[in-house]
PDB file of N, CA and C in Angstrom:
ATOM      1  N   MET A   1     -65.208-145.535 -28.543  1.00  0.00           N
ATOM      2  CA  MET A   1     -64.164-144.859 -29.327  1.00  0.00           C
ATOM      3  C   MET A   1     -62.645-145.246 -28.783  1.00  0.00           C
ATOM      4  N   GLU A   2     -61.906-145.408 -29.677  1.00  0.00           N
ATOM      5  CA  GLU A   2     -60.443-145.749 -29.366  1.00  0.00           C
ATOM      6  C   GLU A   2     -59.853-144.685 -28.607  1.00  0.00           C
ATOM      7  N   PRO A   3     -59.030-145.039 -27.494  1.00  0.00           N
ATOM      8  CA  PRO A   3     -58.321-144.008 -26.787  1.00  0.00           C
ATOM      9  C   PRO A   3     -57.522-142.966 -27.554  1.00  0.00           C
ATOM     10  N   GLU A   4     -56.825-143.503 -28.526  1.00  0.00           N
ATOM     11  CA  GLU A   4     -55.988-142.704 -29.394  1.00  0.00           C
ATOM     12  C   GLU A   4     -56.770-141.669 -30.190  1.00  0.00           C
ATOM     13  N   LYS A   5     -57.870-142.119 -30.761  1.00  0.00           N
ATOM     14  CA  LYS A   5     -58.783-141.148 -31.454  1.00  0.00           C
ATOM     15  C   LYS A   5     -59.292-140.101 -30.513  1.00  0.00           C
ATOM     16  N   ALA A   6     -59.699-140.529 -29.382  1.00  0.00           N
ATOM     17  CA  ALA A   6     -60.217-139.564 -28.338  1.00  0.00           C
ATOM     18  C   ALA A   6     -59.255-138.471 -27.980  1.00  0.00           C
ATOM     19  N   MET A   7     -57.977-138.920 -27.854  1.00  0.00           N
ATOM     20  CA  MET A   7     -56.884-137.994 -27.610  1.00  0.00           C
ATOM     21  C   MET A   7     -56.648-136.948 -28.743  1.00  0.00           C
ATOM     22  N   TRP A   8     -56.702-137.382 -29.961  1.00  0.00           N
ATOM     23  CA  TRP A   8     -56.488-136.532 -31.092  1.00  0.00           C
ATOM     24  C   TRP A   8     -57.685-135.630 -31.329  1.00  0.00           C
ATOM     25  N   ILE A   9     -58.977-136.128 -30.804  1.00  0.00           N
ATOM     26  CA  ILE A   9     -60.093-135.168 -30.945  1.00  0.00           C
ATOM     27  C   ILE A   9     -59.963-134.085 -29.933  1.00  0.00           C
ATOM     28  N   ALA A  10     -59.465-134.489 -28.707  1.00  0.00           N
ATOM     29  CA  ALA A  10     -59.108-133.506 -27.670  1.00  0.00           C
ATOM     30  C   ALA A  10     -58.066-132.388 -28.116  1.00  0.00           C
ATOM     31  N   VAL A  11     -57.045-132.852 -28.816  1.00  0.00           N
ATOM     32  CA  VAL A  11     -56.068-131.979 -29.364  1.00  0.00           C
ATOM     33  C   VAL A  11     -56.736-131.015 -30.365  1.00  0.00           C
ATOM     34  N   LEU A  12     -57.467-131.582 -31.238  1.00  0.00           N
ATOM     35  CA  LEU A  12     -58.239-130.736 -32.283  1.00  0.00           C
ATOM     36  C   LEU A  12     -59.249-129.710 -31.608  1.00  0.00           C
ATOM     37  N   ASN A  13     -59.976-130.237 -30.607  1.00  0.00           N
ATOM     38  CA  ASN A  13     -60.824-129.325 -29.920  1.00  0.00           C
ATOM     39  C   ASN A  13     -60.068-128.097 -29.173  1.00  0.00           C
ATOM     40  N   LEU A  14     -58.898-128.461 -28.609  1.00  0.00           N
ATOM     41  CA  LEU A  14     -58.111-127.434 -27.909  1.00  0.00           C
ATOM     42  C   LEU A  14     -57.620-126.420 -28.890  1.00  0.00           C
ATOM     43  N   ALA A  15     -57.259-126.870 -30.119  1.00  0.00           N
ATOM     44  CA  ALA A  15     -56.711-125.971 -31.133  1.00  0.00           C
ATOM     45  C   ALA A  15     -57.787-124.958 -31.598  1.00  0.00           C
ATOM     46  N   VAL A  16     -59.026-125.601 -31.877  1.00  0.00           N
ATOM     47  CA  VAL A  16     -60.177-124.741 -32.351  1.00  0.00           C
ATOM     48  C   VAL A  16     -60.474-123.772 -31.130  1.00  0.00           C
ATOM     49  N   LYS A  17     -60.553-124.196 -29.931  1.00  0.00           N
ATOM     50  CA  LYS A  17     -60.774-123.342 -28.757  1.00  0.00           C
ATOM     51  C   LYS A  17     -59.737-122.206 -28.708  1.00  0.00           C
ATOM     52  N   ASP A  18     -58.495-122.500 -28.890  1.00  0.00           N
ATOM     53  CA  ASP A  18     -57.392-121.552 -28.832  1.00  0.00           C
ATOM     54  C   ASP A  18     -57.652-120.501 -29.924  1.00  0.00           C
ATOM     55  N   ALA A  19     -58.057-120.823 -31.133  1.00  0.00           N
ATOM     56  CA  ALA A  19     -58.250-119.963 -32.278  1.00  0.00           C
ATOM     57  C   ALA A  19     -59.377-119.032 -31.811  1.00  0.00           C
ATOM     58  N   LYS A  20     -60.516-119.608 -31.298  1.00  0.00           N
ATOM     59  CA  LYS A  20     -61.614-118.835 -30.905  1.00  0.00           C
ATOM     60  C   LYS A  20     -61.312-117.865 -29.849  1.00  0.00           C
ATOM     61  N   THR A  21     -60.546-118.351 -28.815  1.00  0.00           N
ATOM     62  CA  THR A  21     -60.069-117.416 -27.773  1.00  0.00           C
ATOM     63  C   THR A  21     -59.328-116.231 -28.266  1.00  0.00           C
ATOM     64  N   LEU A  22     -58.353-116.457 -29.139  1.00  0.00           N
ATOM     65  CA  LEU A  22     -57.605-115.415 -29.676  1.00  0.00           C
ATOM     66  C   LEU A  22     -58.469-114.297 -30.448  1.00  0.00           C
ATOM     67  N   VAL A  23     -59.358-114.801 -31.132  1.00  0.00           N
ATOM     68  CA  VAL A  23     -60.384-113.895 -31.854  1.00  0.00           C
ATOM     69  C   VAL A  23     -61.097-113.084 -30.861  1.00  0.00           C
ATOM     70  N   GLN A  24     -61.608-113.704 -29.792  1.00  0.00           N
ATOM     71  CA  GLN A  24     -62.378-112.996 -28.712  1.00  0.00           C
ATOM     72  C   GLN A  24     -61.477-111.921 -28.066  1.00  0.00           C
ATOM     73  N   ARG A  25     -60.244-112.343 -27.691  1.00  0.00           N
ATOM     74  CA  ARG A  25     -59.348-111.424 -27.005  1.00  0.00           C
ATOM     75  C   ARG A  25     -59.084-110.245 -27.812  1.00  0.00           C
ATOM     76  N   VAL A  26     -58.795-110.369 -29.153  1.00  0.00           N
ATOM     77  CA  VAL A  26     -58.348-109.232 -29.928  1.00  0.00           C
ATOM     78  C   VAL A  26     -59.520-108.415 -30.306  1.00  0.00           C
ATOM     79  N   GLU A  27     -60.783-108.949 -30.400  1.00  0.00           N
ATOM     80  CA  GLU A  27     -61.860-108.174 -30.758  1.00  0.00           C
ATOM     81  C   GLU A  27     -62.294-107.366 -29.500  1.00  0.00           C
ATOM     82  N   LYS A  28     -61.958-107.857 -28.306  1.00  0.00           N
ATOM     83  CA  LYS A  28     -62.270-107.040 -27.073  1.00  0.00           C
ATOM     84  C   LYS A  28     -61.177-106.098 -26.894  1.00  0.00           C
ATOM     85  N   ASN A  29     -59.967-106.305 -27.320  1.00  0.00           N
ATOM     86  CA  ASN A  29     -58.813-105.398 -26.998  1.00  0.00           C
ATOM     87  C   ASN A  29     -57.881-105.394 -28.277  1.00  0.00           C
ATOM     88  N   PRO A  30     -58.199-104.553 -29.291  1.00  0.00           N
ATOM     89  CA  PRO A  30     -57.328-104.427 -30.512  1.00  0.00           C
ATOM     90  C   PRO A  30     -55.926-104.060 -30.253  1.00  0.00           C
ATOM     91  N   ASP A  31     -55.666-103.467 -29.024  1.00  0.00           N
ATOM     92  CA  ASP A  31     -54.283-103.061 -28.735  1.00  0.00           C
ATOM     93  C   ASP A  31     -53.408-104.293 -28.553  1.00  0.00           C
ATOM     94  N   LEU A  32     -53.999-105.538 -28.381  1.00  0.00           N
ATOM     95  CA  LEU A  32     -53.118-106.704 -28.366  1.00  0.00           C
ATOM     96  C   LEU A  32     -52.213-106.837 -29.507  1.00  0.00           C
ATOM     97  N   TRP A  33     -52.531-106.244 -30.706  1.00  0.00           N
ATOM     98  CA  TRP A  33     -51.658-106.372 -31.824  1.00  0.00           C
ATOM     99  C   TRP A  33     -50.298-105.792 -31.576  1.00  0.00           C
ATOM    100  N   GLY A  34     -50.162-104.941 -30.525  1.00  0.00           N
ATOM    101  CA  GLY A  34     -49.036-104.310 -30.161  1.00  0.00           C
ATOM    102  C   GLY A  34     -48.092-105.296 -29.340  1.00  0.00           C
ATOM    103  N   ASN A  35     -48.676-106.382 -28.904  1.00  0.00           N
ATOM    104  CA  ASN A  35     -47.925-107.293 -27.975  1.00  0.00           C
ATOM    105  C   ASN A  35     -47.312-108.427 -28.877  1.00  0.00           C
ATOM    106  N   PRO A  36     -45.977-108.447 -28.857  1.00  0.00           N
ATOM    107  CA  PRO A  36     -45.293-109.539 -29.655  1.00  0.00           C
ATOM    108  C   PRO A  36     -45.712-110.929 -29.243  1.00  0.00           C
ATOM    109  N   MET A  37     -46.015-111.225 -27.999  1.00  0.00           N
ATOM    110  CA  MET A  37     -46.336-112.601 -27.579  1.00  0.00           C
ATOM    111  C   MET A  37     -47.733-112.890 -28.194  1.00  0.00           C
ATOM    112  N   PHE A  38     -48.711-111.963 -28.247  1.00  0.00           N
ATOM    113  CA  PHE A  38     -49.993-112.178 -28.869  1.00  0.00           C
ATOM    114  C   PHE A  38     -49.810-112.469 -30.283  1.00  0.00           C
ATOM    115  N   ARG A  39     -49.007-111.662 -30.994  1.00  0.00           N
ATOM    116  CA  ARG A  39     -48.799-111.887 -32.450  1.00  0.00           C
ATOM    117  C   ARG A  39     -48.162-113.254 -32.793  1.00  0.00           C
ATOM    118  N   ARG A  40     -47.183-113.710 -31.852  1.00  0.00           N
ATOM    119  CA  ARG A  40     -46.654-115.008 -32.022  1.00  0.00           C
ATOM    120  C   ARG A  40     -47.634-116.136 -31.870  1.00  0.00           C
ATOM    121  N   GLU A  41     -48.596-115.985 -30.872  1.00  0.00           N
ATOM    122  CA  GLU A  41     -49.649-116.984 -30.702  1.00  0.00           C
ATOM    123  C   GLU A  41     -50.550-117.033 -32.021  1.00  0.00           C
ATOM    124  N   VAL A  42     -50.844-115.907 -32.531  1.00  0.00           N
ATOM    125  CA  VAL A  42     -51.729-115.815 -33.809  1.00  0.00           C
ATOM    126  C   VAL A  42     -50.869-116.505 -34.967  1.00  0.00           C
ATOM    127  N   LEU A  43     -49.697-116.286 -35.121  1.00  0.00           N
ATOM    128  CA  LEU A  43     -48.877-116.910 -36.037  1.00  0.00           C
ATOM    129  C   LEU A  43     -48.889-118.355 -35.936  1.00  0.00           C
ATOM    130  N   HIS A  44     -48.683-118.803 -34.699  1.00  0.00           N
ATOM    131  CA  HIS A  44     -48.609-120.238 -34.330  1.00  0.00           C
ATOM    132  C   HIS A  44     -49.906-120.893 -34.670  1.00  0.00           C
ATOM    133  N   ILE A  45     -51.113-120.419 -34.338  1.00  0.00           N
ATOM    134  CA  ILE A  45     -52.306-121.091 -34.648  1.00  0.00           C
ATOM    135  C   ILE A  45     -52.571-120.991 -36.161  1.00  0.00           C
ATOM    136  N   LYS A  46     -52.194-119.936 -36.832  1.00  0.00           N
ATOM    137  CA  LYS A  46     -52.392-120.017 -38.288  1.00  0.00           C
ATOM    138  C   LYS A  46     -51.604-121.019 -38.964  1.00  0.00           C
ATOM    139  N   ARG A  47     -50.362-121.203 -38.574  1.00  0.00           N
ATOM    140  CA  ARG A  47     -49.391-122.112 -39.047  1.00  0.00           C
ATOM    141  C   ARG A  47     -49.958-123.590 -38.865  1.00  0.00           C
ATOM    142  N   TYR A  48     -50.552-123.812 -37.613  1.00  0.00           N
ATOM    143  CA  TYR A  48     -50.945-125.198 -37.252  1.00  0.00           C
ATOM    144  C   TYR A  48     -52.115-125.572 -38.196  1.00  0.00           C
ATOM    145  N   PHE A  49     -53.106-124.644 -38.397  1.00  0.00           N
ATOM    146  CA  PHE A  49     -54.277-125.008 -39.198  1.00  0.00           C
ATOM    147  C   PHE A  49     -53.975-125.046 -40.653  1.00  0.00           C
ATOM    148  N   ARG A  50     -52.985-124.243 -41.112  1.00  0.00           N
ATOM    149  CA  ARG A  50     -52.664-124.235 -42.566  1.00  0.00           C
ATOM    150  C   ARG A  50     -51.692-125.251 -43.026  1.00  0.00           C
ATOM    151  N   SER A  51     -51.014-125.816 -42.050  1.00  0.00           N
ATOM    152  CA  SER A  51     -49.965-126.844 -42.402  1.00  0.00           C
ATOM    153  C   SER A  51     -50.534-128.023 -43.123  1.00  0.00           C
ATOM    154  N   LYS A  52     -49.862-128.485 -44.073  1.00  0.00           N
ATOM    155  CA  LYS A  52     -50.289-129.710 -44.735  1.00  0.00           C
ATOM    156  C   LYS A  52     -49.611-130.941 -44.195  1.00  0.00           C
ATOM    157  N   SER A  53     -48.804-130.715 -43.156  1.00  0.00           N
ATOM    158  CA  SER A  53     -47.993-131.778 -42.580  1.00  0.00           C
ATOM    159  C   SER A  53     -48.917-133.044 -42.131  1.00  0.00           C
ATOM    160  N   THR A  54     -48.451-134.195 -42.458  1.00  0.00           N
ATOM    161  CA  THR A  54     -49.133-135.329 -42.006  1.00  0.00           C
ATOM    162  C   THR A  54     -48.452-135.946 -40.815  1.00  0.00           C
ATOM    163  N   GLN A  55     -47.546-135.236 -40.125  1.00  0.00           N
ATOM    164  CA  GLN A  55     -46.908-135.792 -38.965  1.00  0.00           C
ATOM    165  C   GLN A  55     -47.896-135.854 -37.833  1.00  0.00           C
ATOM    166  N   PRO A  56     -47.761-136.850 -36.831  1.00  0.00           N
ATOM    167  CA  PRO A  56     -48.665-136.947 -35.823  1.00  0.00           C
ATOM    168  C   PRO A  56     -48.824-135.667 -35.002  1.00  0.00           C
ATOM    169  N   GLY A  57     -50.073-135.344 -34.790  1.00  0.00           N
ATOM    170  CA  GLY A  57     -50.487-134.065 -34.064  1.00  0.00           C
ATOM    171  C   GLY A  57     -50.785-132.869 -34.973  1.00  0.00           C
ATOM    172  N   GLY A  58     -50.337-133.013 -36.206  1.00  0.00           N
ATOM    173  CA  GLY A  58     -50.698-131.911 -37.054  1.00  0.00           C
ATOM    174  C   GLY A  58     -52.221-131.916 -37.466  1.00  0.00           C
ATOM    175  N   PHE A  59     -52.710-130.784 -37.942  1.00  0.00           N
ATOM    176  CA  PHE A  59     -54.063-130.711 -38.289  1.00  0.00           C
ATOM    177  C   PHE A  59     -54.461-131.666 -39.352  1.00  0.00           C
ATOM    178  N   ALA A  60     -53.644-131.687 -40.429  1.00  0.00           N
ATOM    179  CA  ALA A  60     -53.935-132.671 -41.518  1.00  0.00           C
ATOM    180  C   ALA A  60     -53.927-134.084 -41.058  1.00  0.00           C
ATOM    181  N   PHE A  61     -52.993-134.435 -40.196  1.00  0.00           N
ATOM    182  CA  PHE A  61     -52.944-135.773 -39.608  1.00  0.00           C
ATOM    183  C   PHE A  61     -54.240-136.030 -38.925  1.00  0.00           C
ATOM    184  N   ILE A  62     -54.646-135.255 -38.014  1.00  0.00           N
ATOM    185  CA  ILE A  62     -55.908-135.548 -37.299  1.00  0.00           C
ATOM    186  C   ILE A  62     -57.113-135.510 -38.138  1.00  0.00           C
ATOM    187  N   CYS A  63     -57.180-134.654 -39.056  1.00  0.00           N
ATOM    188  CA  CYS A  63     -58.302-134.741 -40.089  1.00  0.00           C
ATOM    189  C   CYS A  63     -58.443-136.088 -40.810  1.00  0.00           C
ATOM    190  N   ASP A  64     -57.226-136.491 -41.286  1.00  0.00           N
ATOM    191  CA  ASP A  64     -57.161-137.824 -42.022  1.00  0.00           C
ATOM    192  C   ASP A  64     -57.499-138.935 -41.069  1.00  0.00           C
ATOM    193  N   LEU A  65     -57.046-138.910 -39.916  1.00  0.00           N
ATOM    194  CA  LEU A  65     -57.438-139.926 -38.918  1.00  0.00           C
ATOM    195  C   LEU A  65     -58.898-139.934 -38.648  1.00  0.00           C
ATOM    196  N   MET A  66     -59.531-138.748 -38.669  1.00  0.00           N
ATOM    197  CA  MET A  66     -61.016-138.786 -38.336  1.00  0.00           C
ATOM    198  C   MET A  66     -61.818-138.876 -39.555  1.00  0.00           C
ATOM    199  N   GLY A  67     -61.266-138.959 -40.800  1.00  0.00           N
ATOM    200  CA  GLY A  67     -61.855-139.007 -41.951  1.00  0.00           C
ATOM    201  C   GLY A  67     -62.595-137.733 -42.469  1.00  0.00           C
ATOM    202  N   ILE A  68     -61.977-136.600 -42.027  1.00  0.00           N
ATOM    203  CA  ILE A  68     -62.396-135.300 -42.322  1.00  0.00           C
ATOM    204  C   ILE A  68     -61.663-134.765 -43.516  1.00  0.00           C
ATOM    205  N   ASP A  69     -62.331-134.043 -44.469  1.00  0.00           N
ATOM    206  CA  ASP A  69     -61.765-133.534 -45.624  1.00  0.00           C
ATOM    207  C   ASP A  69     -60.899-132.272 -45.141  1.00  0.00           C
ATOM    208  N   VAL A  70     -59.582-132.387 -45.095  1.00  0.00           N
ATOM    209  CA  VAL A  70     -58.722-131.377 -44.608  1.00  0.00           C
ATOM    210  C   VAL A  70     -58.946-129.951 -45.260  1.00  0.00           C
ATOM    211  N   ASP A  71     -59.016-129.965 -46.603  1.00  0.00           N
ATOM    212  CA  ASP A  71     -59.227-128.736 -47.353  1.00  0.00           C
ATOM    213  C   ASP A  71     -60.491-128.040 -46.861  1.00  0.00           C
ATOM    214  N   LEU A  72     -61.588-128.752 -46.737  1.00  0.00           N
ATOM    215  CA  LEU A  72     -62.853-128.218 -46.349  1.00  0.00           C
ATOM    216  C   LEU A  72     -62.763-127.696 -44.895  1.00  0.00           C
ATOM    217  N   ALA A  73     -62.008-128.505 -43.975  1.00  0.00           N
ATOM    218  CA  ALA A  73     -61.899-128.061 -42.628  1.00  0.00           C
ATOM    219  C   ALA A  73     -61.090-126.829 -42.436  1.00  0.00           C
ATOM    220  N   VAL A  74     -60.033-126.683 -43.287  1.00  0.00           N
ATOM    221  CA  VAL A  74     -59.274-125.446 -43.281  1.00  0.00           C
ATOM    222  C   VAL A  74     -60.037-124.305 -43.718  1.00  0.00           C
ATOM    223  N   LYS A  75     -60.802-124.437 -44.802  1.00  0.00           N
ATOM    224  CA  LYS A  75     -61.611-123.323 -45.360  1.00  0.00           C
ATOM    225  C   LYS A  75     -62.621-122.890 -44.246  1.00  0.00           C
ATOM    226  N   GLN A  76     -63.272-123.859 -43.412  1.00  0.00           N
ATOM    227  CA  GLN A  76     -64.163-123.455 -42.433  1.00  0.00           C
ATOM    228  C   GLN A  76     -63.352-122.728 -41.320  1.00  0.00           C
ATOM    229  N   ILE A  77     -62.263-123.165 -40.894  1.00  0.00           N
ATOM    230  CA  ILE A  77     -61.485-122.580 -39.804  1.00  0.00           C
ATOM    231  C   ILE A  77     -61.112-121.198 -40.297  1.00  0.00           C
ATOM    232  N   GLU A  78     -60.779-121.079 -41.515  1.00  0.00           N
ATOM    233  CA  GLU A  78     -60.404-119.728 -42.094  1.00  0.00           C
ATOM    234  C   GLU A  78     -61.550-118.798 -41.970  1.00  0.00           C
ATOM    235  N   GLU A  79     -62.688-119.221 -42.398  1.00  0.00           N
ATOM    236  CA  GLU A  79     -63.842-118.444 -42.363  1.00  0.00           C
ATOM    237  C   GLU A  79     -64.400-117.989 -40.918  1.00  0.00           C
ATOM    238  N   LEU A  80     -64.185-118.925 -40.054  1.00  0.00           N
ATOM    239  CA  LEU A  80     -64.673-118.771 -38.689  1.00  0.00           C
ATOM    240  C   LEU A  80     -63.740-117.906 -37.841  1.00  0.00           C
ATOM    241  N   TYR A  81     -62.473-118.261 -37.983  1.00  0.00           N
ATOM    242  CA  TYR A  81     -61.459-117.652 -37.086  1.00  0.00           C
ATOM    243  C   TYR A  81     -60.286-116.918 -37.690  1.00  0.00           C
ATOM    244  N   LEU A  82     -59.575-117.628 -38.554  1.00  0.00           N
ATOM    245  CA  LEU A  82     -58.224-117.075 -38.987  1.00  0.00           C
ATOM    246  C   LEU A  82     -58.441-115.764 -39.718  1.00  0.00           C
ATOM    247  N   ARG A  83     -59.420-115.581 -40.527  1.00  0.00           N
ATOM    248  CA  ARG A  83     -59.479-114.290 -41.293  1.00  0.00           C
ATOM    249  C   ARG A  83     -59.722-113.149 -40.330  1.00  0.00           C
ATOM    250  N   ARG A  84     -60.314-113.450 -39.168  1.00  0.00           N
ATOM    251  CA  ARG A  84     -60.511-112.419 -38.205  1.00  0.00           C
ATOM    252  C   ARG A  84     -59.302-112.195 -37.355  1.00  0.00           C
ATOM    253  N   LEU A  85     -58.249-112.853 -37.634  1.00  0.00           N
ATOM    254  CA  LEU A  85     -56.948-112.632 -36.901  1.00  0.00           C
ATOM    255  C   LEU A  85     -55.985-111.970 -37.913  1.00  0.00           C
ATOM    256  N   LYS A  86     -56.336-110.788 -38.368  1.00  0.00           N
ATOM    257  CA  LYS A  86     -55.439-110.085 -39.232  1.00  0.00           C
ATOM    258  C   LYS A  86     -55.158-108.725 -38.586  1.00  0.00           C
ATOM    259  N   LYS A  87     -53.944-108.501 -38.445  1.00  0.00           N
ATOM    260  CA  LYS A  87     -53.506-107.098 -37.840  1.00  0.00           C
ATOM    261  C   LYS A  87     -54.057-105.983 -38.715  1.00  0.00           C
ATOM    262  N   PRO A  88     -54.785-105.061 -38.078  1.00  0.00           N
ATOM    263  CA  PRO A  88     -55.248-103.980 -38.926  1.00  0.00           C
ATOM    264  C   PRO A  88     -54.214-103.125 -39.474  1.00  0.00           C
ATOM    265  N   VAL A  89     -54.431-102.661 -40.681  1.00  0.00           N
ATOM    266  CA  VAL A  89     -53.450-101.753 -41.386  1.00  0.00           C
ATOM    267  C   VAL A  89     -53.667-100.291 -40.927  1.00  0.00           C
ATOM    268  N   LYS A  90     -52.632 -99.714 -40.448  1.00  0.00           N
ATOM    269  CA  LYS A  90     -52.797 -98.343 -40.075  1.00  0.00           C
ATOM    270  C   LYS A  90     -52.941 -97.440 -41.197  1.00  0.00           C
ATOM    271  N   GLN A  91     -54.026 -96.624 -41.145  1.00  0.00           N
ATOM    272  CA  GLN A  91     -54.319 -95.779 -42.225  1.00  0.00           C
ATOM    273  C   GLN A  91     -53.450 -94.510 -42.104  1.00  0.00           C
ATOM    274  N   ARG A  92     -52.775 -94.162 -43.141  1.00  0.00           N
ATOM    275  CA  ARG A  92     -51.963 -93.005 -43.158  1.00  0.00           C
ATOM    276  C   ARG A  92     -52.770 -91.826 -43.609  1.00  0.00           C
ATOM    277  N   PRO A  93     -52.671 -90.710 -43.092  1.00  0.00           N
ATOM    278  CA  PRO A  93     -53.554 -89.610 -43.487  1.00  0.00           C
ATOM    279  C   PRO A  93     -53.235 -89.271 -44.987  1.00  0.00           C
ATOM    280  N   SER A  94     -54.171 -88.894 -45.683  1.00  0.00           N
ATOM    281  CA  SER A  94     -53.989 -88.413 -47.067  1.00  0.00           C
ATOM    282  C   SER A  94     -53.262 -87.177 -47.175  1.00  0.00           C
ATOM    283  N   ARG A  95     -52.711 -86.911 -48.377  1.00  0.00           N
ATOM    284  CA  ARG A  95     -51.956 -85.725 -48.513  1.00  0.00           C
ATOM    285  C   ARG A  95     -52.817 -84.468 -48.274  1.00  0.00           C
ATOM    286  N   VAL A  96     -54.031 -84.606 -48.775  1.00  0.00           N
ATOM    287  CA  VAL A  96     -55.039 -83.433 -48.505  1.00  0.00           C
ATOM    288  C   VAL A  96     -55.268 -83.287 -47.014  1.00  0.00           C
ATOM    289  N   ALA A  97     -55.513 -84.292 -46.296  1.00  0.00           N
ATOM    290  CA  ALA A  97     -55.695 -84.222 -44.896  1.00  0.00           C
ATOM    291  C   ALA A  97     -54.431 -83.584 -44.133  1.00  0.00           C
ATOM    292  N   MET A  98     -53.245 -83.988 -44.640  1.00  0.00           N
ATOM    293  CA  MET A  98     -52.025 -83.428 -43.999  1.00  0.00           C
ATOM    294  C   MET A  98     -51.901 -81.910 -44.393  1.00  0.00           C
ATOM    295  N   LEU A  99     -52.248 -81.503 -45.549  1.00  0.00           N
ATOM    296  CA  LEU A  99     -52.232 -80.199 -45.843  1.00  0.00           C
ATOM    297  C   LEU A  99     -53.300 -79.275 -45.149  1.00  0.00           C
ATOM    298  N   LEU A 100     -54.414 -79.896 -44.822  1.00  0.00           N
ATOM    299  CA  LEU A 100     -55.404 -79.135 -44.121  1.00  0.00           C
ATOM    300  C   LEU A 100     -55.048 -78.985 -42.661  1.00  0.00           C
ATOM    301  N   ALA A 101     -54.339 -79.934 -42.130  1.00  0.00           N
ATOM    302  CA  ALA A 101     -53.779 -79.882 -40.779  1.00  0.00           C
ATOM    303  C   ALA A 101     -52.809 -78.780 -40.586  1.00  0.00           C
ATOM    304  N   ILE A 102     -52.199 -78.270 -41.639  1.00  0.00           N
ATOM    305  CA  ILE A 102     -51.142 -77.216 -41.502  1.00  0.00           C
ATOM    306  C   ILE A 102     -51.673 -75.909 -41.109  1.00  0.00           C
TER     307      ILE A 102
END
């Protein structure tokens, strides 16, 4: 394998590992959503995989270089990791529950 391709495969592997690690961390400790640094990491990894940029280092660039269908790859990454990186919506008590609490 060409050294350049090996390098880009390593970059891609690291990005996937980072996404997996973020999922594992937040599933173990949902309070991480309160941490701005964690939320920034999540935003960064989502932008990386969802970007259509063909600039060197971008996900689409690496997929193209490897002959991988970028749309299929993004779909799989979404299913495996990114959809699990959604900040939970806080449930507000219903009006009935608030009245019963009085």
